[in-house]
């Protein structure tokens, strides 16, 4: 019986969500660590900066790509969506995507990755150790 490979995905923005989905499609067991209290990356707008926030959107932010270019290929925007989505509509879309493909159970909100390093047996096992506040987890792969 084959062992399921565990993969750590860091961040639940546009790329992180698609990484979780790809891991599931390939039979991997993903765990996504998102340091903030919601998914969406830059599309998760709050009036005040959140602790450890990198890039930040702003209230009037619109995508500079059309909905047809910015959407996931297997999950188009509805016909009635604006051609150039607002940050609110993009954030909603990412939630719709995550719900449609059942990604939310694999995401650990409010969990910051502090460090990632090769496991002591990395040369033979290829494994990594992921450190979060007070915990560590050995995984087969990392996706950032």
Protein backbone atom coordinates (compact mmCIF):
# COMPACT_ATOMS: atom_id res chain seq x y z
CA UNK A 1 0.00 0.00 0.00
CA UNK A 2 1.44 3.37 -1.05
CA UNK A 3 1.99 6.08 1.51
CA UNK A 4 0.18 9.35 0.82
CA UNK A 5 2.65 12.18 0.33
CA UNK A 6 2.10 15.20 2.56
CA UNK A 7 2.64 18.62 1.02
CA UNK A 8 2.81 21.99 2.77
CA UNK A 9 1.31 24.91 0.86
CA UNK A 10 2.25 28.32 2.23
CA UNK A 11 -0.40 30.99 1.68
CA UNK A 12 -4.04 30.72 0.60
CA UNK A 13 -4.03 33.33 -2.14
CA UNK A 14 -4.61 32.75 -5.85
CA UNK A 15 -1.58 30.46 -6.23
CA UNK A 16 -2.02 28.66 -2.93
CA UNK A 17 -5.61 27.70 -3.70
CA UNK A 18 -4.67 26.28 -7.08
CA UNK A 19 -1.73 24.43 -5.46
CA UNK A 20 -4.08 22.78 -2.94
CA UNK A 21 -6.39 21.70 -5.76
CA UNK A 22 -3.49 20.33 -7.83
CA UNK A 23 -2.17 18.38 -4.83
CA UNK A 24 -5.58 16.80 -4.28
CA UNK A 25 -5.88 15.90 -7.98
CA UNK A 26 -2.50 14.13 -7.79
CA UNK A 27 -3.43 12.19 -4.66
CA UNK A 28 -1.28 14.21 -2.25
CA UNK A 29 -2.38 15.31 1.21
CA UNK A 30 -2.00 19.11 1.33
CA UNK A 31 -2.00 21.32 4.39
CA UNK A 32 -2.10 25.02 3.60
CA UNK A 33 -0.93 27.49 6.23
CA UNK A 34 -2.40 30.97 5.88
CA UNK A 35 -1.14 33.51 8.39
CA UNK A 36 -4.23 35.71 8.19
CA UNK A 37 -7.82 35.00 9.21
CA UNK A 38 -9.18 34.60 5.68
CA UNK A 39 -8.12 33.35 2.26
CA UNK A 40 -7.46 35.56 -0.74
CA UNK A 41 -3.93 36.93 -0.47
CA UNK A 42 -3.77 40.44 -1.90
CA UNK A 43 -7.49 40.26 -2.70
CA UNK A 44 -8.33 40.01 1.01
CA UNK A 45 -8.64 43.71 1.73
CA UNK A 46 -8.90 45.23 5.18
CA UNK A 47 -8.81 48.92 5.96
CA UNK A 48 -5.88 48.51 8.35
CA UNK A 49 -2.74 46.55 7.59
CA UNK A 50 -2.66 43.16 9.26
CA UNK A 51 0.40 41.99 11.21
CA UNK A 52 3.10 40.61 8.89
CA UNK A 53 1.12 41.65 5.82
CA UNK A 54 3.28 41.94 2.73
CA UNK A 55 1.63 43.43 -0.33
CA UNK A 56 -1.61 45.25 0.30
CA UNK A 57 -4.58 46.09 -1.85
CA UNK A 58 -6.61 49.25 -1.49
CA UNK A 59 -10.32 50.11 -1.36
CA UNK A 60 -10.68 51.08 -5.03
CA UNK A 61 -8.47 48.28 -6.41
CA UNK A 62 -9.62 46.71 -9.68
CA UNK A 63 -7.99 43.87 -11.55
CA UNK A 64 -6.11 45.17 -14.59
CA UNK A 65 -6.91 41.87 -16.29
CA UNK A 66 -10.35 40.98 -17.58
CA UNK A 67 -12.40 38.38 -15.77
CA UNK A 68 -11.70 36.04 -18.70
CA UNK A 69 -7.94 36.35 -18.21
CA UNK A 70 -7.79 36.39 -14.38
CA UNK A 71 -10.09 33.41 -13.74
CA UNK A 72 -9.02 29.82 -13.24
CA UNK A 73 -9.41 27.87 -16.49
CA UNK A 74 -11.70 25.32 -14.84
CA UNK A 75 -13.82 27.89 -12.98
CA UNK A 76 -14.86 30.90 -15.07
CA UNK A 77 -16.51 33.98 -13.64
CA UNK A 78 -20.28 34.13 -14.10
CA UNK A 79 -21.45 35.99 -17.21
CA UNK A 80 -22.89 38.82 -15.09
CA UNK A 81 -19.59 39.52 -13.27
CA UNK A 82 -17.95 42.85 -14.13
CA UNK A 83 -15.36 42.67 -16.91
CA UNK A 84 -12.68 44.05 -14.55
CA UNK A 85 -13.44 42.69 -11.07
CA UNK A 86 -13.11 44.80 -7.94
CA UNK A 87 -11.09 43.50 -5.00
CA UNK A 88 -14.39 42.54 -3.31
CA UNK A 89 -15.53 40.53 -6.33
CA UNK A 90 -12.11 38.83 -6.65
CA UNK A 91 -12.20 37.90 -2.96
CA UNK A 92 -15.72 36.52 -3.37
CA UNK A 93 -14.61 34.59 -6.47
CA UNK A 94 -11.73 32.98 -4.55
CA UNK A 95 -14.16 31.88 -1.84
CA UNK A 96 -16.48 30.45 -4.50
CA UNK A 97 -13.54 28.56 -6.03
CA UNK A 98 -12.41 27.19 -2.66
CA UNK A 99 -15.95 26.11 -1.78
CA UNK A 100 -16.65 24.58 -5.20
CA UNK A 101 -13.54 22.39 -5.08
CA UNK A 102 -13.71 21.63 -1.34
CA UNK A 103 -10.41 23.31 -0.47
CA UNK A 104 -11.28 24.98 2.85
CA UNK A 105 -10.79 21.88 5.06
CA UNK A 106 -7.12 21.81 3.99
CA UNK A 107 -6.43 25.42 5.06
CA UNK A 108 -5.20 26.38 8.54
CA UNK A 109 -6.14 30.04 8.95
CA UNK A 110 -4.23 32.17 11.44
CA UNK A 111 -1.16 29.94 11.17
CA UNK A 112 2.12 31.56 10.24
CA UNK A 113 4.98 29.46 8.92
CA UNK A 114 8.05 30.51 10.86
CA UNK A 115 10.68 28.35 9.20
CA UNK A 116 11.12 25.57 6.64
CA UNK A 117 14.23 23.44 6.58
CA UNK A 118 15.45 20.18 5.17
CA UNK A 119 14.83 17.21 7.44
CA UNK A 120 17.92 15.52 8.86
CA UNK A 121 17.29 12.60 6.51
CA UNK A 122 16.51 14.87 3.53
CA UNK A 123 19.23 13.38 1.34
CA UNK A 124 17.59 9.95 1.50
CA UNK A 125 13.96 10.86 2.17
CA UNK A 126 13.54 14.21 0.39
CA UNK A 127 11.51 15.42 3.37
CA UNK A 128 11.20 18.88 4.87
CA UNK A 129 10.29 20.18 8.32
CA UNK A 130 7.77 23.01 8.57
CA UNK A 131 7.69 25.08 11.75
CA UNK A 132 4.63 27.01 12.88
CA UNK A 133 4.02 28.56 16.32
CA UNK A 134 4.95 25.81 18.76
CA UNK A 135 4.60 22.98 16.23
CA UNK A 136 6.59 21.23 13.57
CA UNK A 137 5.50 18.89 10.82
CA UNK A 138 7.54 16.67 8.51
CA UNK A 139 6.33 16.75 4.89
CA UNK A 140 7.31 15.38 1.50
CA UNK A 141 7.08 18.66 -0.37
CA UNK A 142 6.71 22.42 -0.05
CA UNK A 143 4.77 24.78 -2.29
CA UNK A 144 5.23 28.51 -1.75
